[in-house]
C-alpha atoms as a PDB file:
ATOM      1  CA  MET A   1     -37.406  11.805   6.723  1.00  0.00           C
ATOM      2  CA  SER A   2     -35.230  14.803   7.356  1.00  0.00           C
ATOM      3  CA  MET A   3     -32.075  15.653   5.512  1.00  0.00           C
ATOM      4  CA  LYS A   4     -29.950  15.106   8.651  1.00  0.00           C
ATOM      5  CA  SER A   5     -31.141  11.552   9.190  1.00  0.00           C
ATOM      6  CA  LEU A   6     -30.714  10.769   5.476  1.00  0.00           C
ATOM      7  CA  ALA A   7     -27.145  12.086   5.538  1.00  0.00           C
ATOM      8  CA  ALA A   8     -26.426  10.175   8.752  1.00  0.00           C
ATOM      9  CA  ALA A   9     -27.797   6.945   7.251  1.00  0.00           C
ATOM     10  CA  ALA A  10     -25.725   7.421   4.117  1.00  0.00           C
ATOM     11  CA  GLY A  11     -22.631   8.120   6.212  1.00  0.00           C
ATOM     12  CA  PHE A  12     -23.138   4.989   8.296  1.00  0.00           C
ATOM     13  CA  ALA A  13     -23.704   2.906   5.169  1.00  0.00           C
ATOM     14  CA  ILE A  14     -20.481   4.147   3.589  1.00  0.00           C
ATOM     15  CA  LEU A  15     -18.587   3.651   6.847  1.00  0.00           C
ATOM     16  CA  ALA A  16     -19.922   0.109   7.261  1.00  0.00           C
ATOM     17  CA  THR A  17     -18.905  -0.945   3.753  1.00  0.00           C
ATOM     18  CA  THR A  18     -15.434   0.595   3.663  1.00  0.00           C
ATOM     19  CA  ALA A  19     -14.145   0.473   7.256  1.00  0.00           C
ATOM     20  CA  ALA A  20     -13.804  -3.259   7.793  1.00  0.00           C
ATOM     21  CA  PRO A  21     -14.344  -5.570   4.824  1.00  0.00           C
ATOM     22  CA  ALA A  22     -16.012  -8.833   5.719  1.00  0.00           C
ATOM     23  CA  PHE A  23     -14.600 -12.141   4.515  1.00  0.00           C
ATOM     24  CA  ALA A  24     -16.976 -15.041   4.200  1.00  0.00           C
ATOM     25  CA  GLY A  25     -15.190 -17.801   6.052  1.00  0.00           C
ATOM     26  CA  GLY A  26     -11.964 -15.854   6.507  1.00  0.00           C
ATOM     27  CA  MET A  27      -8.673 -16.323   4.740  1.00  0.00           C
ATOM     28  CA  ALA A  28      -7.458 -19.825   3.996  1.00  0.00           C
ATOM     29  CA  PRO A  29      -4.089 -20.580   5.570  1.00  0.00           C
ATOM     30  CA  GLN A  30      -1.222 -20.869   3.131  1.00  0.00           C
ATOM     31  CA  THR A  31       0.035 -24.385   2.652  1.00  0.00           C
ATOM     32  CA  PRO A  32       3.489 -25.083   1.232  1.00  0.00           C
ATOM     33  CA  ALA A  33       3.739 -26.701  -2.155  1.00  0.00           C
ATOM     34  CA  PRO A  34       4.375 -30.454  -2.014  1.00  0.00           C
ATOM     35  CA  VAL A  35       7.964 -31.521  -2.554  1.00  0.00           C
ATOM     36  CA  VAL A  36       8.368 -33.830  -5.547  1.00  0.00           C
ATOM     37  CA  ILE A  37      11.253 -36.253  -5.289  1.00  0.00           C
ATOM     38  CA  ALA A  38      12.321 -37.744  -8.608  1.00  0.00           C
ATOM     39  CA  ASP A  39      13.135 -41.427  -8.754  1.00  0.00           C
ATOM     40  CA  THR A  40      16.821 -41.581  -9.682  1.00  0.00           C
ATOM     41  CA  GLN A  41      17.389 -45.299  -9.155  1.00  0.00           C
ATOM     42  CA  THR A  42      17.998 -47.376 -12.248  1.00  0.00           C
ATOM     43  CA  SER A  43      16.551 -50.812 -12.659  1.00  0.00           C
ATOM     44  CA  ASP A  44      18.813 -53.822 -13.051  1.00  0.00           C
ATOM     45  CA  GLY A  45      16.830 -54.955 -16.097  1.00  0.00           C
ATOM     46  CA  GLY A  46      17.946 -51.956 -18.136  1.00  0.00           C
ATOM     47  CA  ILE A  47      20.934 -53.800 -19.645  1.00  0.00           C
ATOM     48  CA  LEU A  48      19.280 -57.232 -19.623  1.00  0.00           C
ATOM     49  CA  VAL A  49      16.866 -56.529 -22.494  1.00  0.00           C
ATOM     50  CA  PRO A  50      19.525 -55.372 -25.016  1.00  0.00           C
ATOM     51  CA  ILE A  51      21.764 -58.334 -24.146  1.00  0.00           C
ATOM     52  CA  LEU A  52      18.892 -60.789 -24.633  1.00  0.00           C
ATOM     53  CA  ALA A  53      18.004 -59.076 -27.919  1.00  0.00           C
ATOM     54  CA  LEU A  54      21.588 -59.493 -29.156  1.00  0.00           C
ATOM     55  CA  ILE A  55      21.631 -63.159 -28.115  1.00  0.00           C
ATOM     56  CA  PHE A  56      18.291 -63.735 -29.888  1.00  0.00           C
ATOM     57  CA  PHE A  57      19.507 -61.908 -32.999  1.00  0.00           C
ATOM     58  CA  ALA A  58      22.761 -63.898 -33.064  1.00  0.00           C
ATOM     59  CA  ALA A  59      20.885 -67.162 -32.575  1.00  0.00           C
ATOM     60  CA  THR A  60      18.504 -66.426 -35.456  1.00  0.00           C
ATOM     61  CA  MET A  61      21.329 -65.385 -37.799  1.00  0.00           C
ATOM     62  CA  SER A  62      23.379 -68.509 -37.145  1.00  0.00           C
ATOM     63  CA  ASN A  63      20.614 -70.935 -38.172  1.00  0.00           C
END
């Protein structure tokens, strides 16, 4: 193998690896982050439990 062909092969190898990088499968498309919506509604039973606890406490204290 002559020095010219060795230099040409090395040049082509360097050119092939640096000119256009190959991506296996390509780039994945960017997807937006999911929007999280917080539940801001209150339940109607939120005041019911303390009222029932007070009624139960009053009923037990009176007997």
